[in-house]
Amino acid sequence: MTNIIPPHKRHQNVPASYVILKKGNKIILQRRCNTGFQDGNYGLISGHVEENESFTKALIREAKEEAGITLAPKDLEVAHVLHRKSYDSERVDVFFLAQSWQGELKNMEPHKCDDLSWFDLNEIPENTVDYICFVLEQIKNKVFYSEYGWE
């Protein structure tokens, strides 16, 4: 007899989608504020995947909410998958690369983001979220999957 674990007793990971908007050797970063997580540090346009939502759909929604742009699924390329141990949970983060989108980039959430700027990939600010720096290095090295925060 197979021992099936009920869904409510299974281990859960928190899923999130991130986009690396790229033009040439520059990417867009946003500085977090008033969120309670990594405030004052730069990160990528991103967000949690909601129930009954795919990683792609979550990212398209977040890009519109945070930066006022429209991403098309055909313009998204999976660049990296990160299995991350955070201080409060275990997470699966999917990072997409986009080199085209519709609309003008605009900070749509000034209450959560106090800067939205382009940075050269070789000059990422020191105050960038640590695992974002890690992932950008992995992508530069053409590593598709990594783990972070596990001891």
N, C-alpha and C. Protein backbone atom coordinates (compact mmCIF):
# COMPACT_ATOMS: atom_id res chain seq x y z
N MET A 1 0.83 -1.18 0.00
CA MET A 1 0.00 0.00 0.00
C MET A 1 0.88 1.25 0.00
N THR A 2 0.57 2.19 -0.86
CA THR A 2 1.33 3.43 -0.97
C THR A 2 0.91 4.38 0.15
N ASN A 3 1.89 5.00 0.75
CA ASN A 3 1.63 5.96 1.82
C ASN A 3 1.56 7.36 1.21
N ILE A 4 0.35 7.87 1.00
CA ILE A 4 0.15 9.17 0.37
C ILE A 4 0.01 10.24 1.46
N ILE A 5 0.80 11.29 1.32
CA ILE A 5 0.75 12.40 2.28
C ILE A 5 -0.32 13.38 1.84
N PRO A 6 -1.26 13.71 2.73
CA PRO A 6 -2.29 14.70 2.37
C PRO A 6 -1.63 16.04 2.01
N PRO A 7 -2.19 16.77 1.04
CA PRO A 7 -1.60 18.03 0.60
C PRO A 7 -1.33 19.02 1.73
N HIS A 8 -2.19 19.10 2.73
CA HIS A 8 -1.99 20.07 3.81
C HIS A 8 -0.83 19.71 4.72
N LYS A 9 -0.29 18.50 4.58
CA LYS A 9 0.84 18.08 5.43
C LYS A 9 2.16 18.06 4.66
N ARG A 10 2.11 18.33 3.38
CA ARG A 10 3.33 18.32 2.57
C ARG A 10 4.15 19.57 2.84
N HIS A 11 5.43 19.42 2.64
CA HIS A 11 6.35 20.54 2.73
C HIS A 11 6.03 21.55 1.62
N GLN A 12 6.09 22.82 1.92
CA GLN A 12 5.75 23.86 0.93
C GLN A 12 6.95 24.78 0.68
N ASN A 13 7.14 25.17 -0.56
CA ASN A 13 8.11 26.20 -0.94
C ASN A 13 7.32 27.41 -1.41
N VAL A 14 7.88 28.59 -1.20
CA VAL A 14 7.24 29.84 -1.64
C VAL A 14 7.78 30.16 -3.04
N PRO A 15 6.90 30.24 -4.05
CA PRO A 15 7.36 30.53 -5.42
C PRO A 15 7.35 32.03 -5.72
N ALA A 16 8.36 32.48 -6.46
CA ALA A 16 8.43 33.88 -6.88
C ALA A 16 9.05 33.98 -8.27
N SER A 17 8.62 35.02 -9.00
CA SER A 17 9.14 35.29 -10.34
C SER A 17 9.88 36.62 -10.35
N TYR A 18 10.96 36.68 -11.12
CA TYR A 18 11.80 37.87 -11.24
C TYR A 18 12.06 38.13 -12.72
N VAL A 19 12.21 39.40 -13.09
CA VAL A 19 12.58 39.69 -14.47
C VAL A 19 13.85 40.54 -14.49
N ILE A 20 14.73 40.15 -15.38
CA ILE A 20 15.93 40.93 -15.67
C ILE A 20 15.65 41.62 -17.00
N LEU A 21 15.28 42.90 -16.91
CA LEU A 21 15.07 43.70 -18.12
C LEU A 21 16.43 44.16 -18.58
N LYS A 22 16.78 43.85 -19.81
CA LYS A 22 18.14 44.09 -20.29
C LYS A 22 18.13 44.87 -21.59
N LYS A 23 19.01 45.88 -21.63
CA LYS A 23 19.30 46.64 -22.86
C LYS A 23 20.81 46.72 -22.96
N GLY A 24 21.37 46.05 -23.95
CA GLY A 24 22.82 46.00 -24.05
C GLY A 24 23.38 45.31 -22.83
N ASN A 25 24.29 46.00 -22.12
CA ASN A 25 24.89 45.44 -20.91
C ASN A 25 24.28 46.04 -19.64
N LYS A 26 23.12 46.68 -19.79
CA LYS A 26 22.48 47.32 -18.63
C LYS A 26 21.19 46.60 -18.26
N ILE A 27 20.92 46.61 -16.94
CA ILE A 27 19.67 46.04 -16.44
C ILE A 27 19.00 47.06 -15.54
N ILE A 28 17.69 46.89 -15.36
CA ILE A 28 16.93 47.79 -14.50
C ILE A 28 16.88 47.19 -13.09
N LEU A 29 17.13 48.04 -12.10
CA LEU A 29 17.01 47.64 -10.70
C LEU A 29 16.11 48.65 -10.00
N GLN A 30 15.42 48.19 -8.97
CA GLN A 30 14.58 49.08 -8.18
C GLN A 30 15.03 49.01 -6.72
N ARG A 31 15.08 50.19 -6.08
CA ARG A 31 15.49 50.23 -4.67
C ARG A 31 14.25 50.14 -3.79
N ARG A 32 14.26 49.17 -2.90
CA ARG A 32 13.12 48.88 -2.04
C ARG A 32 13.02 49.91 -0.91
N CYS A 33 11.79 50.24 -0.54
CA CYS A 33 11.54 51.09 0.63
C CYS A 33 10.18 50.76 1.23
N ASN A 34 10.07 50.91 2.54
CA ASN A 34 8.80 50.71 3.26
C ASN A 34 8.16 49.35 3.07
N THR A 35 8.97 48.31 2.80
CA THR A 35 8.41 46.98 2.60
C THR A 35 8.66 46.06 3.80
N GLY A 36 9.65 46.40 4.60
CA GLY A 36 10.02 45.54 5.72
C GLY A 36 10.98 44.44 5.33
N PHE A 37 11.37 44.37 4.06
CA PHE A 37 12.33 43.37 3.60
C PHE A 37 13.36 44.05 2.71
N GLN A 38 14.61 44.06 3.16
CA GLN A 38 15.73 44.58 2.37
C GLN A 38 15.52 46.04 1.94
N ASP A 39 14.82 46.82 2.74
CA ASP A 39 14.63 48.24 2.40
C ASP A 39 15.98 48.93 2.27
N GLY A 40 16.11 49.79 1.26
CA GLY A 40 17.36 50.48 0.97
C GLY A 40 18.26 49.72 0.02
N ASN A 41 17.88 48.49 -0.32
CA ASN A 41 18.67 47.68 -1.24
C ASN A 41 17.97 47.54 -2.58
N TYR A 42 18.78 47.36 -3.61
CA TYR A 42 18.24 47.19 -4.96
C TYR A 42 17.86 45.74 -5.22
N GLY A 43 16.81 45.58 -6.00
CA GLY A 43 16.36 44.26 -6.43
C GLY A 43 15.79 44.35 -7.83
N LEU A 44 15.23 43.27 -8.26
CA LEU A 44 14.63 43.19 -9.59
C LEU A 44 13.11 43.35 -9.48
N ILE A 45 12.48 43.68 -10.57
CA ILE A 45 11.02 43.65 -10.63
C ILE A 45 10.64 42.19 -10.39
N SER A 46 9.77 41.97 -9.40
CA SER A 46 9.50 40.59 -9.00
C SER A 46 8.24 40.52 -8.14
N GLY A 47 7.86 39.29 -7.82
CA GLY A 47 6.74 39.10 -6.91
C GLY A 47 6.43 37.64 -6.70
N HIS A 48 5.63 37.40 -5.68
CA HIS A 48 5.20 36.04 -5.37
C HIS A 48 4.19 35.55 -6.40
N VAL A 49 4.26 34.27 -6.66
CA VAL A 49 3.28 33.62 -7.52
C VAL A 49 2.06 33.33 -6.65
N GLU A 50 0.92 33.78 -7.09
CA GLU A 50 -0.31 33.57 -6.33
C GLU A 50 -0.93 32.22 -6.67
N GLU A 51 -1.88 31.79 -5.86
CA GLU A 51 -2.56 30.52 -6.09
C GLU A 51 -3.20 30.53 -7.48
N ASN A 52 -3.10 29.40 -8.17
CA ASN A 52 -3.65 29.24 -9.53
C ASN A 52 -3.02 30.19 -10.54
N GLU A 53 -1.75 30.52 -10.36
CA GLU A 53 -1.03 31.44 -11.26
C GLU A 53 0.31 30.80 -11.61
N SER A 54 0.69 30.88 -12.87
CA SER A 54 2.00 30.35 -13.30
C SER A 54 3.09 31.37 -13.01
N PHE A 55 4.34 30.94 -13.08
CA PHE A 55 5.46 31.86 -12.89
C PHE A 55 5.41 32.98 -13.93
N THR A 56 5.09 32.61 -15.18
CA THR A 56 5.03 33.61 -16.26
C THR A 56 3.92 34.62 -16.01
N LYS A 57 2.74 34.15 -15.68
CA LYS A 57 1.62 35.07 -15.45
C LYS A 57 1.89 35.98 -14.25
N ALA A 58 2.51 35.44 -13.22
CA ALA A 58 2.86 36.26 -12.05
C ALA A 58 3.81 37.38 -12.46
N LEU A 59 4.78 37.06 -13.28
CA LEU A 59 5.75 38.06 -13.69
C LEU A 59 5.12 39.13 -14.57
N ILE A 60 4.26 38.73 -15.47
CA ILE A 60 3.56 39.69 -16.33
C ILE A 60 2.73 40.65 -15.47
N ARG A 61 2.04 40.09 -14.47
CA ARG A 61 1.24 40.91 -13.55
C ARG A 61 2.12 41.87 -12.76
N GLU A 62 3.22 41.36 -12.19
CA GLU A 62 4.11 42.19 -11.37
C GLU A 62 4.78 43.30 -12.19
N ALA A 63 5.17 43.01 -13.42
CA ALA A 63 5.81 44.03 -14.26
C ALA A 63 4.86 45.19 -14.53
N LYS A 64 3.60 44.87 -14.74
CA LYS A 64 2.59 45.91 -14.96
C LYS A 64 2.37 46.71 -13.67
N GLU A 65 2.23 46.00 -12.54
CA GLU A 65 1.97 46.67 -11.26
C GLU A 65 3.14 47.52 -10.79
N GLU A 66 4.37 47.04 -10.97
CA GLU A 66 5.54 47.72 -10.42
C GLU A 66 6.17 48.72 -11.38
N ALA A 67 6.16 48.41 -12.68
CA ALA A 67 6.90 49.25 -13.63
C ALA A 67 6.07 49.76 -14.79
N GLY A 68 4.78 49.43 -14.85
CA GLY A 68 3.90 49.95 -15.89
C GLY A 68 4.16 49.42 -17.28
N ILE A 69 4.85 48.28 -17.38
CA ILE A 69 5.17 47.73 -18.70
C ILE A 69 4.39 46.43 -18.92
N THR A 70 4.25 46.07 -20.19
CA THR A 70 3.59 44.84 -20.56
C THR A 70 4.63 43.89 -21.14
N LEU A 71 4.72 42.72 -20.53
CA LEU A 71 5.60 41.67 -21.01
C LEU A 71 4.77 40.63 -21.75
N ALA A 72 5.30 40.13 -22.85
CA ALA A 72 4.63 39.06 -23.58
C ALA A 72 5.35 37.75 -23.26
N PRO A 73 4.62 36.66 -23.06
CA PRO A 73 5.27 35.38 -22.76
C PRO A 73 6.36 35.01 -23.76
N LYS A 74 6.15 35.34 -25.04
CA LYS A 74 7.15 34.98 -26.06
C LYS A 74 8.47 35.74 -25.89
N ASP A 75 8.44 36.85 -25.15
CA ASP A 75 9.65 37.65 -24.93
C ASP A 75 10.38 37.30 -23.63
N LEU A 76 9.87 36.30 -22.91
CA LEU A 76 10.47 35.89 -21.64
C LEU A 76 11.26 34.60 -21.82
N GLU A 77 12.50 34.63 -21.37
CA GLU A 77 13.37 33.47 -21.45
C GLU A 77 13.81 33.13 -20.03
N VAL A 78 13.62 31.88 -19.62
CA VAL A 78 14.08 31.47 -18.30
C VAL A 78 15.61 31.54 -18.30
N ALA A 79 16.15 32.33 -17.36
CA ALA A 79 17.60 32.51 -17.28
C ALA A 79 18.21 31.74 -16.11
N HIS A 80 17.42 31.54 -15.04
CA HIS A 80 17.97 30.87 -13.86
C HIS A 80 16.85 30.43 -12.93
N VAL A 81 17.09 29.32 -12.24
CA VAL A 81 16.19 28.84 -11.20
C VAL A 81 17.02 28.72 -9.92
N LEU A 82 16.50 29.31 -8.85
CA LEU A 82 17.21 29.34 -7.56
C LEU A 82 16.34 28.67 -6.51
N HIS A 83 16.90 27.68 -5.83
CA HIS A 83 16.23 27.10 -4.65
C HIS A 83 16.92 27.74 -3.46
N ARG A 84 16.15 28.53 -2.71
CA ARG A 84 16.74 29.41 -1.70
C ARG A 84 16.15 29.15 -0.33
N LYS A 85 17.03 29.09 0.65
CA LYS A 85 16.60 29.02 2.05
C LYS A 85 16.66 30.44 2.58
N SER A 86 15.51 30.96 2.99
CA SER A 86 15.39 32.30 3.53
C SER A 86 15.30 32.20 5.04
N TYR A 87 15.29 33.32 5.70
CA TYR A 87 15.21 33.32 7.17
C TYR A 87 13.88 32.74 7.66
N ASP A 88 12.84 32.79 6.86
CA ASP A 88 11.52 32.37 7.31
C ASP A 88 10.89 31.23 6.49
N SER A 89 11.54 30.83 5.40
CA SER A 89 10.92 29.83 4.53
C SER A 89 11.92 29.29 3.52
N GLU A 90 11.46 28.33 2.76
CA GLU A 90 12.22 27.82 1.63
C GLU A 90 11.51 28.29 0.37
N ARG A 91 12.29 28.69 -0.63
CA ARG A 91 11.71 29.35 -1.79
C ARG A 91 12.25 28.78 -3.09
N VAL A 92 11.43 28.89 -4.12
CA VAL A 92 11.85 28.58 -5.48
C VAL A 92 11.65 29.86 -6.28
N ASP A 93 12.74 30.42 -6.76
CA ASP A 93 12.73 31.67 -7.51
C ASP A 93 13.09 31.39 -8.96
N VAL A 94 12.25 31.87 -9.88
CA VAL A 94 12.53 31.71 -11.30
C VAL A 94 12.83 33.09 -11.87
N PHE A 95 14.00 33.21 -12.50
CA PHE A 95 14.47 34.47 -13.07
C PHE A 95 14.34 34.41 -14.58
N PHE A 96 13.63 35.38 -15.13
CA PHE A 96 13.43 35.48 -16.57
C PHE A 96 14.25 36.63 -17.11
N LEU A 97 14.67 36.51 -18.35
CA LEU A 97 15.35 37.58 -19.08
C LEU A 97 14.37 38.12 -20.12
N ALA A 98 14.27 39.44 -20.19
CA ALA A 98 13.44 40.08 -21.22
C ALA A 98 14.24 41.21 -21.83
N GLN A 99 14.31 41.22 -23.16
CA GLN A 99 15.01 42.28 -23.87
C GLN A 99 14.05 43.16 -24.65
N SER A 100 12.76 42.83 -24.57
CA SER A 100 11.75 43.70 -25.18
C SER A 100 10.48 43.65 -24.34
N TRP A 101 9.74 44.75 -24.39
CA TRP A 101 8.50 44.91 -23.64
C TRP A 101 7.75 46.08 -24.23
N GLN A 102 6.51 46.24 -23.83
CA GLN A 102 5.69 47.33 -24.32
C GLN A 102 5.50 48.35 -23.20
N GLY A 103 5.56 49.63 -23.57
CA GLY A 103 5.34 50.70 -22.60
C GLY A 103 6.64 51.30 -22.10
N GLU A 104 6.49 52.41 -21.41
CA GLU A 104 7.63 53.11 -20.81
C GLU A 104 7.78 52.69 -19.36
N LEU A 105 9.00 52.38 -18.96
CA LEU A 105 9.26 52.03 -17.57
C LEU A 105 8.94 53.22 -16.67
N LYS A 106 8.17 52.96 -15.64
CA LYS A 106 7.79 54.00 -14.69
C LYS A 106 7.61 53.36 -13.32
N ASN A 107 8.06 54.02 -12.29
CA ASN A 107 7.88 53.54 -10.93
C ASN A 107 6.41 53.69 -10.55
N MET A 108 5.68 52.58 -10.57
CA MET A 108 4.25 52.60 -10.29
C MET A 108 3.94 52.43 -8.80
N GLU A 109 4.97 52.12 -8.01
CA GLU A 109 4.78 51.91 -6.58
C GLU A 109 5.79 52.72 -5.76
N PRO A 110 5.70 54.06 -5.83
CA PRO A 110 6.67 54.89 -5.12
C PRO A 110 6.64 54.70 -3.60
N HIS A 111 5.57 54.13 -3.09
CA HIS A 111 5.49 53.83 -1.66
C HIS A 111 6.30 52.58 -1.29
N LYS A 112 6.75 51.80 -2.29
CA LYS A 112 7.56 50.60 -2.06
C LYS A 112 8.92 50.66 -2.75
N CYS A 113 9.10 51.64 -3.62
CA CYS A 113 10.32 51.73 -4.43
C CYS A 113 10.68 53.21 -4.59
N ASP A 114 11.89 53.58 -4.15
CA ASP A 114 12.26 55.00 -4.25
C ASP A 114 13.28 55.28 -5.35
N ASP A 115 13.61 54.26 -6.16
CA ASP A 115 14.48 54.47 -7.32
C ASP A 115 14.30 53.31 -8.29
N LEU A 116 14.21 53.66 -9.56
CA LEU A 116 14.11 52.67 -10.65
C LEU A 116 15.11 53.15 -11.69
N SER A 117 16.26 52.45 -11.79
CA SER A 117 17.35 52.94 -12.63
C SER A 117 18.05 51.81 -13.37
N TRP A 118 18.71 52.20 -14.47
CA TRP A 118 19.53 51.27 -15.25
C TRP A 118 20.93 51.22 -14.64
N PHE A 119 21.50 50.01 -14.59
CA PHE A 119 22.86 49.81 -14.10
C PHE A 119 23.60 48.87 -15.03
N ASP A 120 24.89 49.16 -15.23
CA ASP A 120 25.75 48.28 -16.00
C ASP A 120 25.91 46.98 -15.22
N LEU A 121 25.85 45.86 -15.91
CA LEU A 121 25.99 44.56 -15.25
C LEU A 121 27.32 44.40 -14.52
N ASN A 122 28.32 45.16 -14.94
CA ASN A 122 29.63 45.09 -14.28
C ASN A 122 29.77 46.11 -13.15
N GLU A 123 28.71 46.89 -12.90
CA GLU A 123 28.75 47.91 -11.85
C GLU A 123 27.45 47.91 -11.04
N ILE A 124 27.06 46.74 -10.58
CA ILE A 124 25.86 46.59 -9.76
C ILE A 124 26.13 47.27 -8.41
N PRO A 125 25.18 48.05 -7.90
CA PRO A 125 25.40 48.75 -6.62
C PRO A 125 25.70 47.77 -5.48
N GLU A 126 26.55 48.22 -4.55
CA GLU A 126 26.88 47.40 -3.39
C GLU A 126 25.65 47.07 -2.56
N ASN A 127 24.69 47.99 -2.54
CA ASN A 127 23.47 47.77 -1.76
C ASN A 127 22.39 47.07 -2.60
N THR A 128 22.81 45.97 -3.21
CA THR A 128 21.87 45.12 -3.96
C THR A 128 21.63 43.88 -3.11
N VAL A 129 20.41 43.40 -3.10
CA VAL A 129 20.04 42.21 -2.34
C VAL A 129 21.05 41.10 -2.65
N ASP A 130 21.57 40.46 -1.61
CA ASP A 130 22.66 39.49 -1.76
C ASP A 130 22.36 38.36 -2.73
N TYR A 131 21.20 37.75 -2.65
CA TYR A 131 20.93 36.63 -3.55
C TYR A 131 20.71 37.09 -4.99
N ILE A 132 20.34 38.34 -5.20
CA ILE A 132 20.23 38.88 -6.57
C ILE A 132 21.63 38.97 -7.18
N CYS A 133 22.58 39.49 -6.42
CA CYS A 133 23.98 39.53 -6.90
C CYS A 133 24.47 38.13 -7.23
N PHE A 134 24.17 37.19 -6.36
CA PHE A 134 24.57 35.79 -6.57
C PHE A 134 23.99 35.26 -7.88
N VAL A 135 22.71 35.49 -8.11
CA VAL A 135 22.05 34.98 -9.32
C VAL A 135 22.63 35.64 -10.57
N LEU A 136 22.87 36.94 -10.52
CA LEU A 136 23.45 37.63 -11.69
C LEU A 136 24.80 37.04 -12.05
N GLU A 137 25.59 36.67 -11.05
CA GLU A 137 26.89 36.02 -11.30
C GLU A 137 26.67 34.63 -11.92
N GLN A 138 25.70 33.90 -11.39
CA GLN A 138 25.41 32.57 -11.94
C GLN A 138 25.03 32.67 -13.41
N ILE A 139 24.20 33.65 -13.74
CA ILE A 139 23.76 33.83 -15.13
C ILE A 139 24.95 34.20 -16.01
N LYS A 140 25.81 35.10 -15.53
CA LYS A 140 27.03 35.46 -16.29
C LYS A 140 27.85 34.22 -16.60
N ASN A 141 27.89 33.28 -15.64
CA ASN A 141 28.68 32.06 -15.80
C ASN A 141 27.90 30.94 -16.48
N LYS A 142 26.72 31.27 -16.99
CA LYS A 142 25.87 30.33 -17.73
C LYS A 142 25.45 29.12 -16.89
N VAL A 143 25.24 29.38 -15.59
CA VAL A 143 24.73 28.36 -14.68
C VAL A 143 23.22 28.54 -14.62
N PHE A 144 22.47 27.48 -14.92
CA PHE A 144 21.02 27.57 -15.02
C PHE A 144 20.30 27.36 -13.69
N TYR A 145 20.88 26.55 -12.80
CA TYR A 145 20.25 26.24 -11.51
C TYR A 145 21.27 26.37 -10.40
N SER A 146 20.84 26.93 -9.26
CA SER A 146 21.72 26.99 -8.10
C SER A 146 20.89 26.97 -6.82
N GLU A 147 21.61 26.82 -5.72
CA GLU A 147 21.00 26.81 -4.40
C GLU A 147 21.71 27.86 -3.56
N TYR A 148 20.93 28.51 -2.67
CA TYR A 148 21.47 29.62 -1.90
C TYR A 148 20.91 29.59 -0.48
N GLY A 149 21.78 29.79 0.51
CA GLY A 149 21.33 29.90 1.89
C GLY A 149 21.26 28.59 2.64
N TRP A 150 21.63 27.50 1.98
CA TRP A 150 21.62 26.19 2.63
C TRP A 150 22.99 25.96 3.27
N GLU A 151 23.00 25.51 4.46
CA GLU A 151 24.27 25.28 5.16
C GLU A 151 24.59 23.80 5.16
